[in-house]
Protein backbone atom coordinates (compact mmCIF):
# COMPACT_ATOMS: atom_id res chain seq x y z
CA MET A 1 52.90 23.77 2.79
CA TYR A 2 50.94 22.42 -0.19
CA TRP A 3 52.71 24.74 -2.64
CA LEU A 4 56.13 24.01 -1.15
CA ALA A 5 55.48 20.30 -1.63
CA LEU A 6 54.50 20.81 -5.27
CA ILE A 7 57.59 22.93 -5.93
CA LEU A 8 59.90 20.37 -4.31
CA MET A 9 58.34 17.50 -6.28
CA PHE A 10 58.54 19.48 -9.53
CA VAL A 11 62.19 20.52 -9.08
CA GLY A 12 63.29 17.06 -7.91
CA GLY A 13 61.36 15.35 -10.70
CA ILE A 14 62.77 17.56 -13.46
CA TRP A 15 66.28 17.14 -12.04
CA LEU A 16 65.88 13.34 -12.05
CA ILE A 17 64.60 13.42 -15.64
CA VAL A 18 67.60 15.50 -16.76
CA ASN A 19 70.01 13.14 -14.97
CA GLY A 20 68.24 10.19 -16.56
CA PHE A 21 68.79 11.61 -20.04
CA ARG A 22 72.45 12.23 -19.14
CA LYS A 23 72.82 8.53 -18.24
CA SER A 24 70.99 7.17 -21.31
CA ILE A 25 68.02 7.97 -23.51
CA TRP A 26 66.12 4.99 -22.07
CA TRP A 27 66.48 6.14 -18.46
CA GLY A 28 65.38 9.61 -19.49
CA LEU A 29 62.31 8.37 -21.34
CA GLY A 30 61.48 6.01 -18.49
CA ASN A 31 61.73 8.84 -15.95
CA LEU A 32 59.58 11.04 -18.14
CA LEU A 33 56.83 8.57 -19.05
CA ILE A 34 56.58 5.99 -16.24
CA PRO A 35 55.83 7.39 -12.77
CA PHE A 36 57.99 5.29 -10.41
CA VAL A 37 60.98 4.77 -12.70
CA ALA A 38 62.41 8.06 -11.40
CA LEU A 39 62.50 6.65 -7.86
CA ILE A 40 64.14 3.43 -9.04
CA PHE A 41 66.66 5.41 -11.10
CA GLY A 42 67.42 7.67 -8.14
CA LEU A 43 67.99 4.72 -5.82
CA LEU A 44 70.13 2.77 -8.30
CA ASN A 45 72.29 5.84 -8.96
CA PHE A 46 72.10 7.34 -5.47
CA ALA A 47 75.62 8.81 -5.50
CA GLU A 48 74.77 11.13 -8.41
CA ASN A 49 71.09 11.69 -7.54
CA LYS A 50 70.91 12.06 -3.77
CA ILE A 51 69.87 15.75 -3.80
CA PRO A 52 67.12 15.50 -6.47
CA LEU A 53 65.85 12.23 -4.99
CA LEU A 54 65.65 13.72 -1.50
CA LEU A 55 63.88 16.82 -2.86
CA TYR A 56 61.35 14.60 -4.60
CA VAL A 57 60.75 12.34 -1.60
CA ILE A 58 60.46 15.27 0.84
CA GLY A 59 57.99 16.88 -1.55
CA VAL A 60 55.87 13.72 -1.68
CA VAL A 61 55.87 13.41 2.12
CA LEU A 62 54.93 17.08 2.57
CA PHE A 63 52.19 16.69 -0.03
CA PHE A 64 50.52 13.86 1.87
CA VAL A 65 51.08 15.42 5.30
CA SER A 66 49.54 18.72 4.20
CA GLY A 67 46.47 16.97 2.79
CA GLY A 68 47.48 17.85 -0.75
CA TRP A 69 45.36 15.12 -2.31
CA ALA A 70 42.26 16.87 -0.94
CA ALA A 71 43.32 20.49 -1.50
CA GLY A 72 41.28 20.96 -4.68
CA MET A 73 38.22 18.97 -3.61
CA PRO A 74 34.97 20.75 -2.78
CA ALA A 75 33.63 20.66 0.75
CA PRO A 76 31.06 17.93 1.38
CA ALA A 77 27.44 19.04 1.12
CA THR A 78 25.51 19.23 4.36
CA ALA A 79 21.79 18.64 4.57
């Protein structure tokens, strides 16, 4: 589920960046460089961005549900 979450976040994020550049150069750069601007852009332009925004949000939820933040961490040492 970890890899599915990463794929969904990647596809949704790239799609939002492309749609941002279609709207204006500033939205595109904001989506590319500032993390939460893509979510704001997706919500403000929900009619055009509902599929990429939902892909991104579902990916984020799956990432946290699957323990994705801890997937690459080593196991704790036991004494």
